[in-house]
Amino acid sequence: MGGKGAMDKMKGKAKQKAGKAMGDERLKGEGRADEAKGRAKGAMGDARENLQGMKDSLKGKGRS
């Protein structure tokens, strides 16, 4: 997972815990949104790596 995605997930979890401790539904919601944003960034990073791997594989097979 990318650094930014992991940071968003951690920030989201912290906001959720703080919101739960203080009874602040808005803060809990922000935390859920940040965590989802982090998961999305991680998924995009994984997809980018997979695409690059496929491109590299195709280039290697074409030269043989």
PDB file of N, CA and C in Angstrom:
ATOM      1  N   MET A   1       0.851  -1.177   0.000  1.00  0.00           N
ATOM      2  CA  MET A   1       0.000   0.000   0.000  1.00  0.00           C
ATOM      3  C   MET A   1       0.889   1.230   0.000  1.00  0.00           C
ATOM      4  N   GLY A   2       0.452   2.291  -0.683  1.00  0.00           N
ATOM      5  CA  GLY A   2       1.187   3.534  -0.746  1.00  0.00           C
ATOM      6  C   GLY A   2       1.172   4.266   0.573  1.00  0.00           C
ATOM      7  N   GLY A   3       2.154   5.156   0.754  1.00  0.00           N
ATOM      8  CA  GLY A   3       2.271   5.903   1.995  1.00  0.00           C
ATOM      9  C   GLY A   3       1.079   6.801   2.272  1.00  0.00           C
ATOM     10  N   LYS A   4       0.603   7.499   1.251  1.00  0.00           N
ATOM     11  CA  LYS A   4      -0.522   8.407   1.463  1.00  0.00           C
ATOM     12  C   LYS A   4      -1.794   7.657   1.821  1.00  0.00           C
ATOM     13  N   GLY A   5      -2.016   6.526   1.184  1.00  0.00           N
ATOM     14  CA  GLY A   5      -3.202   5.736   1.487  1.00  0.00           C
ATOM     15  C   GLY A   5      -3.180   5.238   2.925  1.00  0.00           C
ATOM     16  N   ALA A   6      -2.012   4.780   3.358  1.00  0.00           N
ATOM     17  CA  ALA A   6      -1.876   4.283   4.726  1.00  0.00           C
ATOM     18  C   ALA A   6      -2.078   5.420   5.722  1.00  0.00           C
ATOM     19  N   MET A   7      -1.564   6.590   5.398  1.00  0.00           N
ATOM     20  CA  MET A   7      -1.722   7.736   6.301  1.00  0.00           C
ATOM     21  C   MET A   7      -3.199   8.126   6.427  1.00  0.00           C
ATOM     22  N   ASP A   8      -3.918   8.129   5.317  1.00  0.00           N
ATOM     23  CA  ASP A   8      -5.340   8.462   5.361  1.00  0.00           C
ATOM     24  C   ASP A   8      -6.112   7.446   6.197  1.00  0.00           C
ATOM     25  N   LYS A   9      -5.757   6.169   6.042  1.00  0.00           N
ATOM     26  CA  LYS A   9      -6.438   5.133   6.817  1.00  0.00           C
ATOM     27  C   LYS A   9      -6.181   5.317   8.308  1.00  0.00           C
ATOM     28  N   MET A  10      -4.928   5.589   8.675  1.00  0.00           N
ATOM     29  CA  MET A  10      -4.608   5.787  10.095  1.00  0.00           C
ATOM     30  C   MET A  10      -5.298   7.031  10.644  1.00  0.00           C
ATOM     31  N   LYS A  11      -5.287   8.101   9.847  1.00  0.00           N
ATOM     32  CA  LYS A  11      -5.940   9.335  10.271  1.00  0.00           C
ATOM     33  C   LYS A  11      -7.439   9.098  10.461  1.00  0.00           C
ATOM     34  N   GLY A  12      -8.024   8.333   9.555  1.00  0.00           N
ATOM     35  CA  GLY A  12      -9.443   8.029   9.642  1.00  0.00           C
ATOM     36  C   GLY A  12      -9.787   7.228  10.885  1.00  0.00           C
ATOM     37  N   LYS A  13      -8.956   6.228  11.182  1.00  0.00           N
ATOM     38  CA  LYS A  13      -9.197   5.409  12.377  1.00  0.00           C
ATOM     39  C   LYS A  13      -9.078   6.266  13.636  1.00  0.00           C
ATOM     40  N   ALA A  14      -8.095   7.163  13.665  1.00  0.00           N
ATOM     41  CA  ALA A  14      -7.913   8.031  14.830  1.00  0.00           C
ATOM     42  C   ALA A  14      -9.123   8.958  15.011  1.00  0.00           C
ATOM     43  N   LYS A  15      -9.610   9.521  13.914  1.00  0.00           N
ATOM     44  CA  LYS A  15     -10.780  10.401  13.994  1.00  0.00           C
ATOM     45  C   LYS A  15     -12.008   9.636  14.471  1.00  0.00           C
ATOM     46  N   GLN A  16     -12.162   8.405  13.994  1.00  0.00           N
ATOM     47  CA  GLN A  16     -13.307   7.601  14.416  1.00  0.00           C
ATOM     48  C   GLN A  16     -13.250   7.338  15.919  1.00  0.00           C
ATOM     49  N   LYS A  17     -12.068   6.985  16.423  1.00  0.00           N
ATOM     50  CA  LYS A  17     -11.921   6.695  17.848  1.00  0.00           C
ATOM     51  C   LYS A  17     -12.165   7.958  18.672  1.00  0.00           C
ATOM     52  N   ALA A  18     -11.627   9.090  18.205  1.00  0.00           N
ATOM     53  CA  ALA A  18     -11.834  10.343  18.923  1.00  0.00           C
ATOM     54  C   ALA A  18     -13.312  10.724  18.913  1.00  0.00           C
ATOM     55  N   GLY A  19     -13.951  10.565  17.775  1.00  0.00           N
ATOM     56  CA  GLY A  19     -15.372  10.879  17.666  1.00  0.00           C
ATOM     57  C   GLY A  19     -16.213   9.994  18.560  1.00  0.00           C
ATOM     58  N   LYS A  20     -15.845   8.727  18.648  1.00  0.00           N
ATOM     59  CA  LYS A  20     -16.585   7.799  19.502  1.00  0.00           C
ATOM     60  C   LYS A  20     -16.399   8.171  20.967  1.00  0.00           C
ATOM     61  N   ALA A  21     -15.161   8.516  21.346  1.00  0.00           N
ATOM     62  CA  ALA A  21     -14.873   8.873  22.739  1.00  0.00           C
ATOM     63  C   ALA A  21     -15.597  10.146  23.160  1.00  0.00           C
ATOM     64  N   MET A  22     -15.730  11.087  22.225  1.00  0.00           N
ATOM     65  CA  MET A  22     -16.368  12.368  22.549  1.00  0.00           C
ATOM     66  C   MET A  22     -17.846  12.391  22.201  1.00  0.00           C
ATOM     67  N   GLY A  23     -18.333  11.332  21.573  1.00  0.00           N
ATOM     68  CA  GLY A  23     -19.737  11.315  21.168  1.00  0.00           C
ATOM     69  C   GLY A  23     -20.016  12.249  20.005  1.00  0.00           C
ATOM     70  N   ASP A  24     -19.013  12.484  19.174  1.00  0.00           N
ATOM     71  CA  ASP A  24     -19.131  13.413  18.046  1.00  0.00           C
ATOM     72  C   ASP A  24     -19.357  12.619  16.761  1.00  0.00           C
ATOM     73  N   GLU A  25     -20.596  12.565  16.300  1.00  0.00           N
ATOM     74  CA  GLU A  25     -20.937  11.798  15.094  1.00  0.00           C
ATOM     75  C   GLU A  25     -20.280  12.381  13.847  1.00  0.00           C
ATOM     76  N   ARG A  26     -20.140  13.693  13.786  1.00  0.00           N
ATOM     77  CA  ARG A  26     -19.526  14.334  12.621  1.00  0.00           C
ATOM     78  C   ARG A  26     -18.065  13.892  12.487  1.00  0.00           C
ATOM     79  N   LEU A  27     -17.347  13.874  13.596  1.00  0.00           N
ATOM     80  CA  LEU A  27     -15.945  13.466  13.576  1.00  0.00           C
ATOM     81  C   LEU A  27     -15.819  11.985  13.199  1.00  0.00           C
ATOM     82  N   LYS A  28     -16.723  11.159  13.694  1.00  0.00           N
ATOM     83  CA  LYS A  28     -16.716   9.747  13.313  1.00  0.00           C
ATOM     84  C   LYS A  28     -16.949   9.597  11.812  1.00  0.00           C
ATOM     85  N   GLY A  29     -17.862  10.397  11.278  1.00  0.00           N
ATOM     86  CA  GLY A  29     -18.135  10.364   9.838  1.00  0.00           C
ATOM     87  C   GLY A  29     -16.935  10.789   9.018  1.00  0.00           C
ATOM     88  N   GLU A  30     -16.245  11.835   9.487  1.00  0.00           N
ATOM     89  CA  GLU A  30     -15.028  12.273   8.796  1.00  0.00           C
ATOM     90  C   GLU A  30     -13.982  11.164   8.811  1.00  0.00           C
ATOM     91  N   GLY A  31     -13.905  10.480   9.930  1.00  0.00           N
ATOM     92  CA  GLY A  31     -12.961   9.376  10.040  1.00  0.00           C
ATOM     93  C   GLY A  31     -13.270   8.256   9.064  1.00  0.00           C
ATOM     94  N   ARG A  32     -14.547   7.925   8.950  1.00  0.00           N
ATOM     95  CA  ARG A  32     -14.935   6.876   7.987  1.00  0.00           C
ATOM     96  C   ARG A  32     -14.594   7.310   6.566  1.00  0.00           C
ATOM     97  N   ALA A  33     -14.821   8.587   6.266  1.00  0.00           N
ATOM     98  CA  ALA A  33     -14.520   9.089   4.923  1.00  0.00           C
ATOM     99  C   ALA A  33     -13.014   9.046   4.652  1.00  0.00           C
ATOM    100  N   ASP A  34     -12.206   9.453   5.636  1.00  0.00           N
ATOM    101  CA  ASP A  34     -10.750   9.419   5.460  1.00  0.00           C
ATOM    102  C   ASP A  34     -10.249   7.986   5.279  1.00  0.00           C
ATOM    103  N   GLU A  35     -10.814   7.072   6.045  1.00  0.00           N
ATOM    104  CA  GLU A  35     -10.400   5.674   5.925  1.00  0.00           C
ATOM    105  C   GLU A  35     -10.762   5.115   4.545  1.00  0.00           C
ATOM    106  N   ALA A  36     -11.939   5.451   4.060  1.00  0.00           N
ATOM    107  CA  ALA A  36     -12.350   5.003   2.728  1.00  0.00           C
ATOM    108  C   ALA A  36     -11.448   5.603   1.656  1.00  0.00           C
ATOM    109  N   LYS A  37     -11.074   6.861   1.839  1.00  0.00           N
ATOM    110  CA  LYS A  37     -10.170   7.521   0.895  1.00  0.00           C
ATOM    111  C   LYS A  37      -8.820   6.799   0.874  1.00  0.00           C
ATOM    112  N   GLY A  38      -8.346   6.394   2.038  1.00  0.00           N
ATOM    113  CA  GLY A  38      -7.086   5.665   2.116  1.00  0.00           C
ATOM    114  C   GLY A  38      -7.165   4.321   1.422  1.00  0.00           C
ATOM    115  N   ARG A  39      -8.286   3.618   1.602  1.00  0.00           N
ATOM    116  CA  ARG A  39      -8.459   2.330   0.928  1.00  0.00           C
ATOM    117  C   ARG A  39      -8.487   2.524  -0.584  1.00  0.00           C
ATOM    118  N   ALA A  40      -9.140   3.586  -1.038  1.00  0.00           N
ATOM    119  CA  ALA A  40      -9.219   3.856  -2.479  1.00  0.00           C
ATOM    120  C   ALA A  40      -7.833   4.167  -3.050  1.00  0.00           C
ATOM    121  N   LYS A  41      -7.056   4.957  -2.328  1.00  0.00           N
ATOM    122  CA  LYS A  41      -5.700   5.266  -2.792  1.00  0.00           C
ATOM    123  C   LYS A  41      -4.856   3.999  -2.861  1.00  0.00           C
ATOM    124  N   GLY A  42      -5.025   3.129  -1.882  1.00  0.00           N
ATOM    125  CA  GLY A  42      -4.289   1.863  -1.884  1.00  0.00           C
ATOM    126  C   GLY A  42      -4.679   0.998  -3.067  1.00  0.00           C
ATOM    127  N   ALA A  43      -5.970   0.943  -3.355  1.00  0.00           N
ATOM    128  CA  ALA A  43      -6.448   0.140  -4.486  1.00  0.00           C
ATOM    129  C   ALA A  43      -5.917   0.706  -5.806  1.00  0.00           C
ATOM    130  N   MET A  44      -5.881   2.020  -5.921  1.00  0.00           N
ATOM    131  CA  MET A  44      -5.362   2.635  -7.149  1.00  0.00           C
ATOM    132  C   MET A  44      -3.873   2.339  -7.301  1.00  0.00           C
ATOM    133  N   GLY A  45      -3.142   2.380  -6.196  1.00  0.00           N
ATOM    134  CA  GLY A  45      -1.719   2.059  -6.249  1.00  0.00           C
ATOM    135  C   GLY A  45      -1.491   0.623  -6.679  1.00  0.00           C
ATOM    136  N   ASP A  46      -2.295  -0.290  -6.131  1.00  0.00           N
ATOM    137  CA  ASP A  46      -2.180  -1.701  -6.504  1.00  0.00           C
ATOM    138  C   ASP A  46      -2.501  -1.901  -7.979  1.00  0.00           C
ATOM    139  N   ALA A  47      -3.542  -1.245  -8.452  1.00  0.00           N
ATOM    140  CA  ALA A  47      -3.929  -1.370  -9.855  1.00  0.00           C
ATOM    141  C   ALA A  47      -2.824  -0.825 -10.759  1.00  0.00           C
ATOM    142  N   ARG A  48      -2.221   0.283 -10.346  1.00  0.00           N
ATOM    143  CA  ARG A  48      -1.142   0.883 -11.136  1.00  0.00           C
ATOM    144  C   ARG A  48       0.043  -0.089 -11.225  1.00  0.00           C
ATOM    145  N   GLU A  49       0.380  -0.727 -10.092  1.00  0.00           N
ATOM    146  CA  GLU A  49       1.485  -1.693 -10.093  1.00  0.00           C
ATOM    147  C   GLU A  49       1.168  -2.897 -10.978  1.00  0.00           C
ATOM    148  N   ASN A  50      -0.066  -3.386 -10.918  1.00  0.00           N
ATOM    149  CA  ASN A  50      -0.462  -4.521 -11.752  1.00  0.00           C
ATOM    150  C   ASN A  50      -0.388  -4.168 -13.228  1.00  0.00           C
ATOM    151  N   LEU A  51      -0.837  -2.975 -13.571  1.00  0.00           N
ATOM    152  CA  LEU A  51      -0.784  -2.534 -14.965  1.00  0.00           C
ATOM    153  C   LEU A  51       0.658  -2.444 -15.449  1.00  0.00           C
ATOM    154  N   GLN A  52       1.523  -1.897 -14.594  1.00  0.00           N
ATOM    155  CA  GLN A  52       2.928  -1.784 -14.975  1.00  0.00           C
ATOM    156  C   GLN A  52       3.536  -3.176 -15.172  1.00  0.00           C
ATOM    157  N   GLY A  53       3.180  -4.113 -14.314  1.00  0.00           N
ATOM    158  CA  GLY A  53       3.678  -5.482 -14.453  1.00  0.00           C
ATOM    159  C   GLY A  53       3.223  -6.123 -15.750  1.00  0.00           C
ATOM    160  N   MET A  54       1.964  -5.886 -16.111  1.00  0.00           N
ATOM    161  CA  MET A  54       1.460  -6.439 -17.375  1.00  0.00           C
ATOM    162  C   MET A  54       2.190  -5.817 -18.555  1.00  0.00           C
ATOM    163  N   LYS A  55       2.413  -4.505 -18.502  1.00  0.00           N
ATOM    164  CA  LYS A  55       3.123  -3.842 -19.591  1.00  0.00           C
ATOM    165  C   LYS A  55       4.539  -4.393 -19.728  1.00  0.00           C
ATOM    166  N   ASP A  56       5.201  -4.583 -18.587  1.00  0.00           N
ATOM    167  CA  ASP A  56       6.563  -5.126 -18.616  1.00  0.00           C
ATOM    168  C   ASP A  56       6.570  -6.533 -19.173  1.00  0.00           C
ATOM    169  N   SER A  57       5.581  -7.344 -18.789  1.00  0.00           N
ATOM    170  CA  SER A  57       5.503  -8.723 -19.292  1.00  0.00           C
ATOM    171  C   SER A  57       5.305  -8.744 -20.797  1.00  0.00           C
ATOM    172  N   LEU A  58       4.438  -7.873 -21.285  1.00  0.00           N
ATOM    173  CA  LEU A  58       4.182  -7.832 -22.722  1.00  0.00           C
ATOM    174  C   LEU A  58       5.410  -7.372 -23.489  1.00  0.00           C
ATOM    175  N   LYS A  59       6.126  -6.426 -22.958  1.00  0.00           N
ATOM    176  CA  LYS A  59       7.345  -5.960 -23.623  1.00  0.00           C
ATOM    177  C   LYS A  59       8.380  -7.073 -23.678  1.00  0.00           C
ATOM    178  N   GLY A  60       8.512  -7.815 -22.583  1.00  0.00           N
ATOM    179  CA  GLY A  60       9.491  -8.900 -22.534  1.00  0.00           C
ATOM    180  C   GLY A  60       9.151 -10.023 -23.488  1.00  0.00           C
ATOM    181  N   LYS A  61       7.867 -10.359 -23.619  1.00  0.00           N
ATOM    182  CA  LYS A  61       7.445 -11.444 -24.505  1.00  0.00           C
ATOM    183  C   LYS A  61       7.601 -11.046 -25.964  1.00  0.00           C
ATOM    184  N   GLY A  62       7.430  -9.791 -26.275  1.00  0.00           N
ATOM    185  CA  GLY A  62       7.536  -9.341 -27.653  1.00  0.00           C
ATOM    186  C   GLY A  62       8.953  -9.373 -28.183  1.00  0.00           C
ATOM    187  N   ARG A  63       9.916  -9.281 -27.304  1.00  0.00           N
ATOM    188  CA  ARG A  63      11.316  -9.248 -27.721  1.00  0.00           C
ATOM    189  C   ARG A  63      11.914 -10.632 -27.878  1.00  0.00           C
ATOM    190  N   SER A  64      11.318 -11.629 -27.299  1.00  0.00           N
ATOM    191  CA  SER A  64      11.916 -12.983 -27.330  1.00  0.00           C
ATOM    192  C   SER A  64      11.784 -13.636 -28.676  1.00  0.00           C
TER     193      SER A  64
END
